Amino acid sequence: MEANTNHRFGSAALIGRPNAGKSTLVNRMVGEKISIVTDKPQTTRTRIMGIVTEADWQMVIFDAPGIYKPKDRLGKNMVDTALGGLPGADVIYYIVDATSSFGAGEDYILRILDQVKTPVFLLLNKVDLLAKEALLPLIGSWRERRDFAQIFPLSALKGDNIPELLAATVECFREGPPCYDQDEMTDQPERVMVAEMIREKAILATRQEVPYAVAVFIESMEERREDLTDIHGVIVVDQDSQKGILIGKNGAVLKRIGSESRKDIEELLGVHVNLQLRVQARANWRNNERQLKRFVN
């Protein structure tokens, strides 16, 4: 990394309600899929660091779990993780689903933000789904609730207004060299990213309470030869009935999860993958601190 006296470096902490589009935004900014994305709340369970590098600046952005009222120890840990990323950030991104009504959850987050001195950018996401005449009144209503440093209407999915957001963010950064190599995009180990890719497909393959009960850990990940890696993973659920749903009739659901996961994993690793999956039921794992440390990446 060459020295650049005008180079800037900084970090952004991303918070918001579940399904506001946090992971989609991080993936868009980084340019690679480092956070899994589904339409189910609580998909992101831990803080994930993305790295965005340009010629004269570098940004670290933290994707955190959605903030909501937790119902178990897993949920409490997720909310604590989301709020724990605020101190030390140069900018806080507060992302909101522009198509959703203001409610108690948003009011709770605003009260949290009243306690921080860091500049807060309000990101009104999914404006591509909003009628044009509704945008200005929406911005006005949010301005009445808080004095944000900046407000950005955007579409994380389509990339609308992302360059403008990045330009304004960099203005908040201090001068300094990059801390990561140009080709680094996340701090997540490959093993963790593989587990998350499997969990994403398991979530998408199931409905109702099953997605929230799913965890994945990798038992082994070994290179058999230069172009082939063997991976053995375990999908963990709360109950035997959920185990049956994930396996499906004649193993059809589990096979689909494995097939769809394999595509993403092979793209990540750049080699062929022999993926073997099995399902385990472990009662009440979401309230067991020891199992949380093992299953939540």
Protein backbone atom coordinates (compact mmCIF):
# COMPACT_ATOMS: atom_id res chain seq x y z
CA MET A 1 0.00 0.00 0.00
CA GLU A 2 1.61 3.27 -1.14
CA ALA A 3 1.60 6.27 1.14
CA ASN A 4 -0.90 9.01 0.26
CA THR A 5 -0.80 12.17 2.37
CA ASN A 6 -4.34 13.06 1.32
CA HIS A 7 -5.73 9.62 2.03
CA ARG A 8 -8.67 9.28 4.42
CA PHE A 9 -9.73 6.36 6.60
CA GLY A 10 -12.79 5.89 8.77
CA SER A 11 -15.69 3.71 9.83
CA ALA A 12 -19.47 3.68 9.63
CA ALA A 13 -21.80 1.81 12.00
CA LEU A 14 -25.06 0.68 10.39
CA ILE A 15 -28.19 0.25 12.50
CA GLY A 16 -31.90 -0.08 11.87
CA ARG A 17 -34.93 -2.27 12.32
CA PRO A 18 -35.00 -5.83 10.90
CA ASN A 19 -35.51 -5.99 7.13
CA ALA A 20 -34.62 -2.34 6.56
CA GLY A 21 -31.97 -3.39 4.02
CA LYS A 22 -28.75 -3.21 6.03
CA SER A 23 -27.08 -6.28 4.54
CA THR A 24 -28.14 -5.35 1.02
CA LEU A 25 -26.51 -1.94 1.49
CA VAL A 26 -23.26 -3.41 2.80
CA ASN A 27 -23.06 -5.87 -0.09
CA ARG A 28 -23.72 -3.06 -2.56
CA MET A 29 -21.00 -0.85 -1.08
CA VAL A 30 -18.41 -3.61 -0.81
CA GLY A 31 -19.19 -4.97 -4.27
CA GLU A 32 -19.35 -8.57 -3.07
CA LYS A 33 -21.81 -10.66 -1.07
CA ILE A 34 -20.38 -10.71 2.44
CA SER A 35 -23.71 -10.56 4.34
CA ILE A 36 -26.52 -13.02 3.71
CA VAL A 37 -29.86 -11.56 2.66
CA THR A 38 -33.38 -12.94 3.13
CA ASP A 39 -36.84 -11.46 3.62
CA LYS A 40 -36.94 -12.88 7.16
CA PRO A 41 -36.19 -10.74 10.25
CA GLN A 42 -33.16 -11.68 12.39
CA THR A 43 -31.17 -12.97 9.41
CA THR A 44 -28.04 -11.09 10.53
CA ARG A 45 -27.03 -12.31 14.00
CA THR A 46 -23.60 -10.84 14.55
CA ARG A 47 -21.59 -7.83 13.49
CA ILE A 48 -20.03 -8.22 10.05
CA MET A 49 -17.29 -5.91 8.83
CA GLY A 50 -17.16 -4.82 5.21
CA ILE A 51 -14.22 -2.95 3.67
CA VAL A 52 -14.64 -0.42 0.87
CA THR A 53 -11.41 0.79 -0.77
CA GLU A 54 -10.88 3.56 -3.30
CA ALA A 55 -7.71 5.31 -4.46
CA ASP A 56 -7.82 8.09 -1.86
CA TRP A 57 -9.94 6.63 0.92
CA GLN A 58 -10.88 3.44 2.74
CA MET A 59 -13.99 2.79 4.81
CA VAL A 60 -14.90 0.04 7.24
CA ILE A 61 -18.65 -0.50 7.52
CA PHE A 62 -20.25 -2.67 10.17
CA ASP A 63 -23.44 -4.58 9.36
CA ALA A 64 -25.23 -5.39 12.61
CA PRO A 65 -28.36 -7.31 13.59
CA GLY A 66 -31.67 -5.47 13.36
CA ILE A 67 -32.85 -3.76 16.54
CA TYR A 68 -36.07 -5.14 18.01
CA LYS A 69 -37.51 -6.25 21.36
CA PRO A 70 -35.74 -9.57 22.08
CA LYS A 71 -37.63 -12.67 23.23
CA ASP A 72 -34.70 -14.94 24.11
CA ARG A 73 -30.98 -14.82 24.92
CA LEU A 74 -30.05 -15.01 21.25
CA GLY A 75 -32.18 -11.94 20.57
CA LYS A 76 -30.67 -10.02 23.47
CA ASN A 77 -27.16 -10.83 22.29
CA MET A 78 -28.06 -9.64 18.79
CA VAL A 79 -29.41 -6.28 20.00
CA ASP A 80 -26.40 -5.80 22.30
CA THR A 81 -24.14 -6.48 19.30
CA ALA A 82 -25.96 -3.89 17.18
CA LEU A 83 -25.72 -1.17 19.83
CA GLY A 84 -22.16 -2.09 20.75
CA GLY A 85 -20.94 -0.98 17.32
CA LEU A 86 -21.91 2.68 17.83
CA PRO A 87 -19.04 3.91 20.04
CA GLY A 88 -15.94 4.76 18.06
CA ALA A 89 -17.59 5.04 14.65
CA ASP A 90 -16.96 8.18 12.60
CA VAL A 91 -20.48 8.07 11.14
CA ILE A 92 -23.67 6.26 12.10
CA TYR A 93 -25.94 5.11 9.29
CA TYR A 94 -29.53 4.82 10.51
CA ILE A 95 -31.34 2.94 7.75
CA VAL A 96 -35.12 3.00 7.49
CA ASP A 97 -37.55 1.21 5.18
CA ALA A 98 -39.19 4.18 3.47
CA THR A 99 -42.25 2.08 2.64
CA SER A 100 -43.00 1.27 6.30
CA SER A 101 -44.88 3.41 8.81
CA PHE A 102 -43.13 5.03 11.76
CA GLY A 103 -43.66 2.96 14.90
CA ALA A 104 -42.44 2.13 18.38
CA GLY A 105 -39.32 0.42 17.03
CA GLU A 106 -38.15 3.56 15.22
CA ASP A 107 -38.97 5.68 18.27
CA TYR A 108 -36.78 3.36 20.39
CA ILE A 109 -33.84 3.76 18.01
CA LEU A 110 -34.22 7.55 17.94
CA ARG A 111 -34.03 7.62 21.74
CA ILE A 112 -30.79 5.61 21.56
CA LEU A 113 -29.36 8.01 18.98
CA ASP A 114 -30.13 10.97 21.24
CA GLN A 115 -27.36 9.65 23.50
CA VAL A 116 -24.60 9.70 20.84
CA LYS A 117 -22.52 12.64 19.60
CA THR A 118 -21.43 10.93 16.37
CA PRO A 119 -22.90 12.37 13.13
CA VAL A 120 -25.99 10.38 12.15
CA PHE A 121 -26.98 9.97 8.49
CA LEU A 122 -30.59 8.94 7.96
CA LEU A 123 -30.87 6.54 5.01
CA LEU A 124 -34.39 6.28 3.61
CA ASN A 125 -34.08 2.97 1.80
CA LYS A 126 -36.34 1.41 -0.84
CA VAL A 127 -37.42 4.77 -2.28
CA ASP A 128 -37.65 3.03 -5.66
CA LEU A 129 -40.85 1.47 -4.28
CA LEU A 130 -42.23 4.82 -3.15
CA ALA A 131 -44.43 7.21 -5.14
CA LYS A 132 -42.36 10.29 -6.10
CA GLU A 133 -44.84 12.71 -4.57
CA ALA A 134 -44.52 10.93 -1.21
CA LEU A 135 -40.75 11.45 -0.86
CA LEU A 136 -40.56 15.14 0.16
CA PRO A 137 -43.28 14.83 2.83
CA LEU A 138 -41.49 11.74 4.19
CA ILE A 139 -38.18 13.61 4.43
CA GLY A 140 -39.97 16.49 6.12
CA SER A 141 -41.57 14.24 8.72
CA TRP A 142 -38.20 12.73 9.64
CA ARG A 143 -36.58 16.17 9.90
CA GLU A 144 -39.17 17.06 12.51
CA ARG A 145 -38.20 14.03 14.60
CA ARG A 146 -34.44 14.65 14.75
CA ASP A 147 -31.72 16.95 13.49
CA PHE A 148 -29.81 14.48 11.31
CA ALA A 149 -26.40 15.40 9.93
CA GLN A 150 -27.67 14.38 6.48
CA ILE A 151 -30.65 12.58 4.96
CA PHE A 152 -30.22 10.33 1.92
CA PRO A 153 -33.11 8.78 0.00
CA LEU A 154 -31.64 5.70 -1.68
CA SER A 155 -32.13 2.21 -3.03
CA ALA A 156 -29.61 -0.27 -1.66
CA LEU A 157 -30.89 -2.87 -4.10
CA LYS A 158 -30.43 -0.73 -7.21
CA GLY A 159 -27.56 1.43 -6.00
CA ASP A 160 -29.41 4.74 -6.33
CA ASN A 161 -27.67 7.61 -4.47
CA ILE A 162 -24.96 5.34 -3.03
CA PRO A 163 -22.05 7.31 -4.60
CA GLU A 164 -23.40 10.53 -3.07
CA LEU A 165 -23.71 8.83 0.32
CA LEU A 166 -20.12 7.60 0.16
CA ALA A 167 -18.80 11.03 -0.84
CA ALA A 168 -20.52 12.67 2.14
CA THR A 169 -19.30 9.92 4.47
CA VAL A 170 -15.66 10.33 3.49
CA GLU A 171 -15.87 14.02 4.43
CA CYS A 172 -16.34 12.87 8.03
CA PHE A 173 -13.17 10.75 8.00
CA ARG A 174 -9.76 11.76 9.27
CA GLU A 175 -6.61 11.77 7.18
CA GLY A 176 -4.73 8.50 7.47
CA PRO A 177 -3.44 5.49 5.56
CA PRO A 178 -5.58 2.45 4.70
CA CYS A 179 -5.59 -0.26 7.34
CA TYR A 180 -6.40 -3.14 4.97
CA ASP A 181 -5.05 -4.39 1.67
CA GLN A 182 -6.91 -3.32 -1.44
CA ASP A 183 -8.29 -6.81 -2.14
CA GLU A 184 -9.67 -7.35 1.40
CA MET A 185 -13.45 -7.02 1.62
CA THR A 186 -14.32 -8.44 5.06
CA ASP A 187 -12.83 -9.78 8.27
CA GLN A 188 -15.04 -12.86 8.17
CA PRO A 189 -13.12 -16.18 7.93
CA GLU A 190 -14.07 -18.40 4.98
CA ARG A 191 -15.41 -21.04 7.37
CA VAL A 192 -17.87 -18.52 8.87
CA MET A 193 -18.96 -17.23 5.47
CA VAL A 194 -19.60 -20.80 4.30
CA ALA A 195 -21.77 -21.48 7.36
CA GLU A 196 -23.72 -18.27 6.74
CA MET A 197 -24.34 -19.17 3.10
CA ILE A 198 -25.81 -22.49 4.17
CA ARG A 199 -27.97 -20.78 6.80
CA GLU A 200 -29.27 -18.34 4.20
CA LYS A 201 -30.47 -21.19 1.97
CA ALA A 202 -31.99 -22.99 4.97
CA ILE A 203 -33.93 -19.85 5.90
CA LEU A 204 -35.17 -19.37 2.35
CA ALA A 205 -36.27 -23.01 2.17
CA THR A 206 -38.45 -22.85 5.31
CA ARG A 207 -41.28 -20.79 6.75
CA GLN A 208 -42.93 -19.71 10.00
CA GLU A 209 -40.85 -20.34 13.13
CA VAL A 210 -38.18 -22.53 11.54
CA PRO A 211 -35.88 -19.77 10.19
CA TYR A 212 -35.39 -18.25 13.65
CA ALA A 213 -34.43 -21.63 15.11
CA VAL A 214 -31.75 -22.40 12.50
CA ALA A 215 -28.02 -22.25 13.12
CA VAL A 216 -25.17 -23.74 11.10
CA PHE A 217 -21.66 -24.78 12.06
CA ILE A 218 -18.92 -26.35 9.95
CA GLU A 219 -17.56 -29.62 11.32
CA SER A 220 -14.74 -29.87 8.82
CA MET A 221 -13.45 -28.07 5.75
CA GLU A 222 -10.54 -29.81 4.04
CA GLU A 223 -8.88 -29.48 0.66
CA ARG A 224 -8.91 -32.92 -1.00
CA ARG A 225 -6.97 -31.62 -3.98
CA GLU A 226 -6.13 -28.23 -5.45
CA ASP A 227 -9.50 -27.83 -7.18
CA LEU A 228 -11.77 -29.66 -4.70
CA THR A 229 -12.70 -28.98 -1.07
CA ASP A 230 -14.73 -31.31 1.18
CA ILE A 231 -17.08 -29.54 3.59
CA HIS A 232 -19.20 -31.16 6.31
CA GLY A 233 -21.79 -28.89 7.88
CA VAL A 234 -24.47 -29.28 10.54
CA ILE A 235 -27.79 -27.41 10.52
CA VAL A 236 -29.09 -27.04 14.07
CA VAL A 237 -32.74 -26.47 15.02
CA ASP A 238 -34.75 -26.38 18.26
CA GLN A 239 -37.15 -29.28 17.77
CA ASP A 240 -37.44 -32.66 16.04
CA SER A 241 -40.46 -31.36 14.09
CA GLN A 242 -38.28 -28.58 12.64
CA LYS A 243 -35.66 -31.17 11.77
CA GLY A 244 -38.24 -33.03 9.67
CA ILE A 245 -39.20 -29.82 7.86
CA LEU A 246 -35.59 -29.06 6.97
CA ILE A 247 -34.93 -32.57 5.71
CA GLY A 248 -38.20 -32.82 3.80
CA LYS A 249 -39.79 -35.83 2.15
CA ASN A 250 -37.09 -38.23 0.98
CA GLY A 251 -34.53 -35.56 1.91
CA ALA A 252 -35.73 -33.20 -0.84
CA VAL A 253 -35.48 -29.95 1.16
CA LEU A 254 -32.01 -30.71 2.52
CA LYS A 255 -30.81 -31.62 -0.97
CA ARG A 256 -32.09 -28.30 -2.30
CA ILE A 257 -30.38 -26.40 0.52
CA GLY A 258 -27.13 -28.21 -0.25
CA SER A 259 -27.36 -27.66 -4.01
CA GLU A 260 -28.11 -23.94 -3.73
CA SER A 261 -25.49 -23.42 -1.02
CA ARG A 262 -22.84 -25.17 -3.05
CA LYS A 263 -23.16 -22.64 -5.89
CA ASP A 264 -22.41 -19.68 -3.61
CA ILE A 265 -19.65 -21.51 -1.75
CA GLU A 266 -17.89 -22.49 -4.98
CA GLU A 267 -18.02 -18.87 -6.13
CA LEU A 268 -16.55 -17.76 -2.81
CA LEU A 269 -13.76 -20.35 -2.70
CA GLY A 270 -13.05 -20.56 -6.42
CA VAL A 271 -12.95 -24.38 -6.36
CA HIS A 272 -15.35 -27.30 -6.69
CA VAL A 273 -17.02 -28.25 -3.42
CA ASN A 274 -18.24 -31.57 -2.07
CA LEU A 275 -20.80 -30.40 0.49
CA GLN A 276 -22.30 -32.84 2.99
CA LEU A 277 -25.06 -31.59 5.32
CA ARG A 278 -26.94 -33.13 8.22
CA VAL A 279 -29.58 -31.75 10.61
CA GLN A 280 -29.53 -31.89 14.41
CA ALA A 281 -32.21 -30.90 16.94
CA ARG A 282 -30.89 -29.27 20.12
CA ALA A 283 -33.67 -28.13 22.43
CA ASN A 284 -33.69 -24.46 23.46
CA TRP A 285 -30.23 -23.74 22.04
CA ARG A 286 -31.16 -20.06 21.61
CA ASN A 287 -31.20 -19.63 25.41
CA ASN A 288 -28.00 -21.61 26.06
CA GLU A 289 -25.00 -19.28 26.28
CA ARG A 290 -22.49 -22.06 25.58
CA GLN A 291 -24.28 -23.21 22.44
CA LEU A 292 -24.80 -19.62 21.28
CA LYS A 293 -21.04 -19.10 21.27
CA ARG A 294 -20.61 -22.17 19.08
CA PHE A 295 -23.52 -21.74 16.69
CA VAL A 296 -23.73 -17.97 16.20
CA ASN A 297 -20.86 -16.86 14.01
